[in-house]
Amino acid sequence: MAYTSPLTCFPAIGHWVLALDQGHWQLEAWENFVKSTDRNRYWLHSHQDTFRLSLPVAGGRSQKTPIQALLLDETTPWREQHLTIIRNAYAASPFFEDFFPEIETCYRNGSNHLFEFNLELFHYCREWLCPDLAWSLTTRWQGPYPAESPNLELPSYFRPFPLQNPHELARLSVLDLLFQEGPWAAVWLEEAVKFYRTR
């Protein structure tokens, strides 16, 4: 059986745990863009708090465009802004220097289609975390899906700035895990799956 979810930007940690639990991740490829969801946003954590970054879409958020046809709005310098925000939030993290250069390359050279951009980021993260995880795209619409990322109770990992609410961990972007745990992120995910199965 596969875990099926929308394709989001730097998928939340909870999605990775649920996909690894099933052993196969099926990404929704046939939906229309849904505003106010994680299709074009992701959550990070800094010394100040948990916050959301959004990828601007051309034509605004209120549209029913097929997700594979949706363009990113390149009239604003959002790519540079995101890189600066990520750098400011995570530069002091133990493994920032190991992962940021490739993320920067993804941002600078990434597709101007939201779906393709998210898929490129997914592939990078999958290679770093769990290259053996089977994945596929849906062949027809499988929704509807919840608006937010999974709300799971997960074990914590080292972080210089603790979360105010431990349930926030599941919705954080996988970037947080990579920057904090580095090569041990894959091991943490395996342990998180075992923890999830006991709940």
Protein backbone atom coordinates (compact mmCIF):
# COMPACT_ATOMS: atom_id res chain seq x y z
CA MET A 1 0.00 0.00 0.00
CA ALA A 2 1.21 3.51 -0.73
CA TYR A 3 0.98 6.71 1.26
CA THR A 4 -0.64 9.26 -1.04
CA SER A 5 -0.27 13.01 -0.53
CA PRO A 6 -0.05 16.24 -2.47
CA LEU A 7 3.41 17.22 -3.69
CA THR A 8 4.57 20.03 -1.42
CA CYS A 9 7.63 22.23 -1.23
CA PHE A 10 10.28 20.56 0.98
CA PRO A 11 7.70 18.09 2.32
CA ALA A 12 6.96 18.19 6.03
CA ILE A 13 8.66 15.70 8.33
CA GLY A 14 5.28 14.07 9.06
CA HIS A 15 4.85 13.21 5.37
CA TRP A 16 8.24 11.47 5.32
CA VAL A 17 7.36 9.43 8.41
CA LEU A 18 4.01 8.31 6.96
CA ALA A 19 5.54 7.49 3.56
CA LEU A 20 8.36 5.46 5.12
CA ASP A 21 5.81 3.66 7.26
CA GLN A 22 4.06 2.49 4.08
CA GLY A 23 7.25 1.96 2.06
CA HIS A 24 5.88 3.74 -1.01
CA TRP A 25 5.04 7.40 -1.53
CA GLN A 26 2.51 8.28 -4.18
CA LEU A 27 2.48 11.98 -5.08
CA GLU A 28 -0.70 13.61 -6.36
CA ALA A 29 -0.19 14.81 -9.94
CA TRP A 30 -3.75 15.46 -11.15
CA GLU A 31 -5.28 17.92 -8.73
CA ASN A 32 -6.06 21.57 -9.31
CA PHE A 33 -4.10 24.08 -7.26
CA VAL A 34 -5.64 24.53 -3.82
CA LYS A 35 -4.95 27.87 -2.14
CA SER A 36 -4.01 28.15 1.54
CA THR A 37 -2.33 24.72 1.58
CA ASP A 38 1.22 23.43 1.69
CA ARG A 39 1.44 22.96 -2.08
CA ASN A 40 3.32 26.25 -2.27
CA ARG A 41 4.47 26.80 1.31
CA TYR A 42 6.65 25.20 3.96
CA TRP A 43 7.37 25.69 7.65
CA LEU A 44 10.74 26.49 9.25
CA HIS A 45 11.88 27.20 12.80
CA SER A 46 14.33 29.83 14.05
CA HIS A 47 15.29 31.33 17.39
CA GLN A 48 12.16 33.49 17.18
CA ASP A 49 9.45 30.95 16.36
CA THR A 50 8.00 28.64 13.73
CA PHE A 51 7.18 30.50 10.52
CA ARG A 52 5.93 29.82 7.01
CA LEU A 53 7.50 30.63 3.65
CA SER A 54 5.29 30.78 0.55
CA LEU A 55 6.21 30.39 -3.09
CA PRO A 56 4.31 33.03 -5.08
CA VAL A 57 2.20 31.68 -7.92
CA ALA A 58 1.51 33.55 -11.15
CA GLY A 59 -2.05 34.78 -11.41
CA GLY A 60 -2.58 34.85 -7.64
CA ARG A 61 -3.79 32.19 -5.24
CA SER A 62 -7.48 32.17 -6.22
CA GLN A 63 -7.42 29.94 -9.27
CA LYS A 64 -8.35 26.43 -10.31
CA THR A 65 -5.28 25.74 -12.47
CA PRO A 66 -4.11 22.13 -12.85
CA ILE A 67 -1.14 21.75 -10.49
CA GLN A 68 1.22 20.68 -13.29
CA ALA A 69 0.45 23.85 -15.30
CA LEU A 70 0.81 26.36 -12.46
CA LEU A 71 3.66 28.83 -12.90
CA LEU A 72 5.66 30.48 -10.14
CA ASP A 73 5.57 34.28 -10.09
CA GLU A 74 9.04 35.39 -11.12
CA THR A 75 8.22 39.13 -10.96
CA THR A 76 9.44 39.24 -7.37
CA PRO A 77 12.86 38.13 -6.04
CA TRP A 78 11.32 35.37 -3.92
CA ARG A 79 14.13 32.90 -4.65
CA GLU A 80 16.76 35.23 -3.17
CA GLN A 81 14.46 36.13 -0.31
CA HIS A 82 13.88 32.47 0.61
CA LEU A 83 17.61 31.70 0.48
CA THR A 84 18.35 34.66 2.76
CA ILE A 85 15.65 33.62 5.23
CA ILE A 86 16.84 29.99 5.24
CA ARG A 87 20.42 31.17 5.78
CA ASN A 88 19.40 33.46 8.65
CA ALA A 89 17.31 30.76 10.34
CA TYR A 90 19.78 27.86 10.00
CA ALA A 91 23.33 29.16 9.48
CA ALA A 92 24.24 28.16 13.04
CA SER A 93 22.84 24.64 12.62
CA PRO A 94 25.40 21.81 12.70
CA PHE A 95 24.90 20.66 9.10
CA PHE A 96 23.89 23.87 7.36
CA GLU A 97 27.10 24.06 5.31
CA ASP A 98 26.68 20.46 4.16
CA PHE A 99 23.24 20.92 2.59
CA PHE A 100 22.79 24.62 1.83
CA PRO A 101 24.95 24.75 -1.35
CA GLU A 102 22.75 22.18 -3.12
CA ILE A 103 19.58 23.85 -1.88
CA GLU A 104 20.90 27.15 -3.19
CA THR A 105 21.56 25.52 -6.58
CA CYS A 106 18.01 24.10 -6.59
CA TYR A 107 16.59 27.54 -5.92
CA ARG A 108 18.69 29.37 -8.46
CA ASN A 109 18.26 26.81 -11.27
CA GLY A 110 14.87 25.34 -10.39
CA SER A 111 11.88 25.17 -12.67
CA ASN A 112 9.42 28.03 -12.93
CA HIS A 113 6.52 25.53 -12.70
CA LEU A 114 5.41 24.88 -9.11
CA PHE A 115 4.92 21.13 -9.60
CA GLU A 116 8.31 20.62 -11.28
CA PHE A 117 10.09 22.81 -8.73
CA ASN A 118 8.56 20.83 -5.84
CA LEU A 119 9.42 17.54 -7.57
CA GLU A 120 13.07 18.62 -7.99
CA LEU A 121 13.25 19.44 -4.26
CA PHE A 122 11.57 16.14 -3.40
CA HIS A 123 14.21 14.23 -5.39
CA TYR A 124 17.07 16.00 -3.60
CA CYS A 125 15.58 15.29 -0.19
CA ARG A 126 14.82 11.68 -1.05
CA GLU A 127 18.42 11.11 -2.18
CA TRP A 128 19.71 12.55 1.10
CA LEU A 129 17.25 10.76 3.39
CA CYS A 130 15.94 7.53 1.92
CA PRO A 131 17.06 6.77 -1.64
CA ASP A 132 15.42 3.33 -1.48
CA LEU A 133 11.95 4.71 -0.75
CA ALA A 134 9.69 3.76 -3.65
CA TRP A 135 7.69 6.62 -5.11
CA SER A 136 5.32 7.30 -7.99
CA LEU A 137 2.94 9.91 -9.35
CA THR A 138 -0.79 9.32 -9.31
CA THR A 139 -2.38 8.44 -12.64
CA ARG A 140 -5.66 10.09 -11.68
CA TRP A 141 -6.88 12.38 -8.90
CA GLN A 142 -6.87 10.64 -5.49
CA GLY A 143 -8.05 13.48 -3.19
CA PRO A 144 -9.42 15.29 -1.38
CA TYR A 145 -6.53 15.93 1.00
CA PRO A 146 -6.25 17.76 4.32
CA ALA A 147 -5.19 21.40 3.98
CA GLU A 148 -2.29 21.03 6.41
CA SER A 149 0.59 18.63 6.88
CA PRO A 150 0.11 15.61 9.17
CA ASN A 151 -0.25 16.32 12.88
CA LEU A 152 1.74 13.50 14.46
CA GLU A 153 3.45 13.03 17.78
CA LEU A 154 7.11 12.38 16.97
CA PRO A 155 10.29 12.01 19.02
CA SER A 156 12.42 15.12 19.23
CA TYR A 157 15.91 15.63 17.87
CA PHE A 158 18.63 18.09 18.78
CA ARG A 159 17.75 21.69 18.06
CA PRO A 160 19.32 24.87 19.38
CA PHE A 161 15.89 26.51 19.71
CA PRO A 162 13.22 24.25 21.22
CA LEU A 163 9.73 24.14 19.77
CA GLN A 164 6.99 25.70 21.88
CA ASN A 165 4.62 22.92 20.85
CA PRO A 166 6.14 19.45 20.22
CA HIS A 167 3.38 18.67 17.69
CA GLU A 168 4.87 21.37 15.44
CA LEU A 169 7.73 19.02 14.60
CA ALA A 170 5.63 16.93 12.17
CA ARG A 171 4.70 19.97 10.08
CA LEU A 172 8.22 21.42 9.89
CA SER A 173 9.92 21.19 6.53
CA VAL A 174 12.37 18.35 6.14
CA LEU A 175 15.02 21.09 5.79
CA ASP A 176 14.90 21.50 9.55
CA LEU A 177 15.74 17.83 10.07
CA LEU A 178 18.55 17.90 7.49
CA PHE A 179 20.20 21.01 8.93
CA GLN A 180 19.99 19.70 12.52
CA GLU A 181 20.75 15.99 12.06
CA GLY A 182 22.72 15.82 8.81
CA PRO A 183 23.80 12.25 8.01
CA TRP A 184 21.84 10.99 11.04
CA ALA A 185 18.55 12.33 9.65
CA ALA A 186 17.84 9.01 7.93
CA VAL A 187 18.42 7.13 11.20
CA TRP A 188 16.14 9.55 13.05
CA LEU A 189 13.41 8.97 10.44
CA GLU A 190 13.67 5.20 10.94
CA GLU A 191 13.29 5.69 14.69
CA ALA A 192 10.40 8.11 14.15
CA VAL A 193 8.57 5.49 12.09
CA LYS A 194 9.00 2.94 14.92
CA PHE A 195 7.78 5.56 17.42
CA TYR A 196 4.75 6.36 15.20
CA ARG A 197 3.83 2.67 14.98
CA THR A 198 3.63 2.42 18.78
CA ARG A 199 1.15 5.27 19.04
